[in-house]
Amino acid sequence: MASEYSLTVVLEKMYENQLGLEAALMELVLLVEQQGYEPVGENAGFNHQGLARLRNLEKD
């Protein structure tokens, strides 16, 4: 099955929607942590830091 979107297009869309993706990820993490899966929250923290670094690079 051929993909409708190329990797380049998908990455560009992710870049354009960083804040929305970050908010959705954090909401998901909070829900999962409430269910007792704390390692997921720790891993998401690293993702959150990575997104923050990308935003800082964009500002420079």
Protein backbone atom coordinates (compact mmCIF):
# COMPACT_ATOMS: atom_id res chain seq x y z
CA MET A 1 0.00 0.00 0.00
CA ALA A 2 1.48 3.33 -1.05
CA SER A 3 1.67 6.07 1.54
CA GLU A 4 -0.43 9.16 0.92
CA TYR A 5 2.19 11.40 2.55
CA SER A 6 5.95 11.38 2.12
CA LEU A 7 8.22 11.42 5.16
CA THR A 8 9.18 15.00 4.32
CA VAL A 9 5.55 16.13 4.40
CA VAL A 10 4.85 14.32 7.67
CA LEU A 11 7.93 15.82 9.34
CA GLU A 12 7.00 19.29 8.11
CA LYS A 13 3.47 18.93 9.53
CA MET A 14 4.88 17.73 12.87
CA TYR A 15 7.20 20.74 12.93
CA GLU A 16 4.30 23.11 12.20
CA ASN A 17 2.17 21.58 14.96
CA GLN A 18 4.76 21.21 17.73
CA LEU A 19 2.73 22.95 20.45
CA GLY A 20 -0.43 20.99 19.75
CA LEU A 21 1.49 17.71 19.67
CA GLU A 22 3.23 18.59 22.91
CA ALA A 23 -0.07 19.38 24.64
CA ALA A 24 -1.65 16.16 23.40
CA LEU A 25 1.36 14.13 24.49
CA MET A 26 1.32 15.62 27.98
CA GLU A 27 -2.42 14.96 28.36
CA LEU A 28 -1.85 11.36 27.35
CA VAL A 29 1.05 11.04 29.79
CA LEU A 30 -1.04 12.37 32.67
CA LEU A 31 -3.79 9.87 31.89
CA VAL A 32 -1.34 6.96 31.68
CA GLU A 33 0.44 7.99 34.89
CA GLN A 34 -2.91 8.06 36.72
CA GLN A 35 -3.31 4.43 35.68
CA GLY A 36 -0.02 3.52 37.35
CA TYR A 37 2.45 3.51 34.46
CA GLU A 38 4.97 6.02 35.81
CA PRO A 39 7.91 5.01 33.53
CA VAL A 40 5.85 6.35 30.62
CA GLY A 41 5.84 9.75 32.29
CA GLU A 42 9.59 9.67 32.71
CA ASN A 43 10.09 8.86 29.03
CA ALA A 44 7.66 11.58 28.00
CA GLY A 45 9.66 14.04 30.05
CA PHE A 46 12.61 13.42 27.75
CA ASN A 47 10.34 14.01 24.74
CA HIS A 48 9.11 17.24 26.31
CA GLN A 49 12.70 18.42 26.77
CA GLY A 50 13.46 17.62 23.15
CA LEU A 51 10.49 19.66 21.95
CA ALA A 52 11.59 22.58 24.13
CA ARG A 53 15.05 22.42 22.57
CA LEU A 54 13.54 22.48 19.09
CA ARG A 55 11.52 25.58 19.98
CA ASN A 56 14.64 27.28 21.33
CA LEU A 57 16.56 26.47 18.14
CA GLU A 58 13.72 27.94 16.11
CA LYS A 59 13.94 31.22 18.07
CA ASP A 60 17.70 31.57 17.47
